[in-house]
Amino acid sequence: MAVGLPIIVVIVVVIASVAMRVVLRSRGYNVGGSTIVRCRAGHLFTTIWVPLGSLKAVRLGWYRFQRCPVGHHWTLVAPVKESELTPDQIEFAREHKDVRIP
């Protein structure tokens, strides 16, 4: 029984992560990989955004507290819908990436 519980927890977390990704993508957010985010100062950059997991940021609900590679400061960031950005903003965000770990 002791071995079964951790497996169940892993399965539940994986299912929840996939479900969140499907819901967020259906709402226009490109999460589950390389995602464009905006910090509180308005800077756009690309980060790896995996629902329910992060090693480089503190998760605060929809937001994450992490380092902004554009302004070189610690801040809250949130995903943005690429459909609401101009082509120049998308290009800028893709040129500015943070640490390549989730």
Protein backbone atom coordinates (compact mmCIF):
# COMPACT_ATOMS: atom_id res chain seq x y z
CA MET A 1 0.00 0.00 0.00
CA ALA A 2 2.80 2.46 0.80
CA VAL A 3 4.14 2.27 -2.76
CA GLY A 4 0.68 2.75 -4.29
CA LEU A 5 0.00 6.14 -2.66
CA PRO A 6 2.93 8.01 -4.27
CA ILE A 7 1.96 6.61 -7.67
CA ILE A 8 -1.61 7.83 -7.20
CA VAL A 9 -0.35 11.29 -6.22
CA VAL A 10 1.84 11.44 -9.35
CA ILE A 11 -1.06 10.37 -11.56
CA VAL A 12 -3.38 12.99 -10.03
CA VAL A 13 -0.76 15.76 -10.46
CA VAL A 14 -0.15 14.78 -14.10
CA ILE A 15 -3.87 14.72 -14.88
CA ALA A 16 -4.40 18.10 -13.17
CA SER A 17 -1.47 19.61 -15.06
CA VAL A 18 -2.77 18.39 -18.42
CA ALA A 19 -6.29 19.60 -17.62
CA MET A 20 -5.01 23.05 -16.64
CA ARG A 21 -2.95 23.26 -19.83
CA VAL A 22 -5.98 22.37 -21.97
CA VAL A 23 -8.19 24.95 -20.23
CA LEU A 24 -5.60 27.73 -20.40
CA ARG A 25 -4.79 27.05 -24.06
CA SER A 26 -8.51 27.12 -24.88
CA ARG A 27 -8.57 30.63 -23.36
CA GLY A 28 -5.69 31.81 -25.54
CA TYR A 29 -2.71 31.36 -23.22
CA ASN A 30 0.27 29.45 -24.63
CA VAL A 31 1.27 27.63 -21.44
CA GLY A 32 2.98 24.30 -21.08
CA GLY A 33 6.29 25.28 -22.59
CA SER A 34 7.85 28.49 -23.84
CA THR A 35 5.39 31.21 -22.83
CA ILE A 36 5.38 34.99 -23.23
CA VAL A 37 4.87 36.72 -19.89
CA ARG A 38 4.64 40.32 -18.70
CA CYS A 39 6.19 41.56 -15.49
CA ARG A 40 4.66 44.25 -13.25
CA ALA A 41 6.86 46.89 -14.91
CA GLY A 42 5.41 45.95 -18.31
CA HIS A 43 8.44 44.09 -19.68
CA LEU A 44 7.73 41.18 -22.01
CA PHE A 45 9.91 38.10 -22.09
CA THR A 46 9.74 34.36 -22.65
CA THR A 47 9.85 31.79 -19.87
CA ILE A 48 9.05 28.12 -19.47
CA TRP A 49 5.59 27.93 -17.90
CA VAL A 50 4.51 24.50 -16.72
CA PRO A 51 1.18 24.39 -14.88
CA LEU A 52 1.54 23.21 -11.28
CA GLY A 53 5.32 23.33 -11.32
CA SER A 54 8.25 25.69 -11.11
CA LEU A 55 11.83 25.41 -9.89
CA LYS A 56 12.99 28.99 -10.52
CA ALA A 57 9.98 30.94 -9.29
CA VAL A 58 7.62 31.22 -6.36
CA ARG A 59 4.11 30.37 -7.49
CA LEU A 60 1.39 32.73 -6.27
CA GLY A 61 -1.79 31.44 -7.92
CA TRP A 62 -1.88 32.73 -11.48
CA TYR A 63 1.28 34.79 -10.93
CA ARG A 64 4.88 33.83 -10.33
CA PHE A 65 7.53 35.76 -8.49
CA GLN A 66 10.70 35.51 -10.55
CA ARG A 67 13.55 37.48 -12.06
CA CYS A 68 12.82 39.64 -15.11
CA PRO A 69 15.68 39.36 -17.65
CA VAL A 70 14.66 42.63 -19.31
CA GLY A 71 14.60 44.94 -16.27
CA HIS A 72 16.98 42.83 -14.17
CA HIS A 73 14.65 42.88 -11.16
CA TRP A 74 12.51 40.45 -9.15
CA THR A 75 8.82 40.83 -9.88
CA LEU A 76 5.45 39.17 -10.37
CA VAL A 77 4.85 37.83 -13.88
CA ALA A 78 1.80 36.40 -15.63
CA PRO A 79 1.23 34.87 -19.06
CA VAL A 80 -0.20 37.06 -21.80
CA LYS A 81 -2.27 36.13 -24.82
CA GLU A 82 -0.12 36.35 -27.93
CA SER A 83 -3.23 37.38 -29.87
CA GLU A 84 -3.25 40.65 -27.88
CA LEU A 85 0.36 41.50 -28.76
CA THR A 86 1.79 43.18 -31.83
CA PRO A 87 4.28 41.27 -33.99
CA ASP A 88 7.06 43.56 -32.67
CA GLN A 89 6.13 42.75 -29.06
CA ILE A 90 6.14 39.01 -29.78
CA GLU A 91 9.54 39.28 -31.46
CA PHE A 92 10.94 41.29 -28.52
CA ALA A 93 9.63 38.75 -25.99
CA ARG A 94 11.11 35.83 -27.91
CA GLU A 95 14.50 37.58 -28.02
CA HIS A 96 14.47 37.97 -24.20
CA LYS A 97 14.46 34.65 -22.38
CA ASP A 98 15.02 33.81 -18.76
CA VAL A 99 16.78 30.75 -17.34
CA ARG A 100 15.88 27.67 -19.35
CA ILE A 101 14.47 25.58 -16.48
CA PRO A 102 10.78 25.42 -15.48
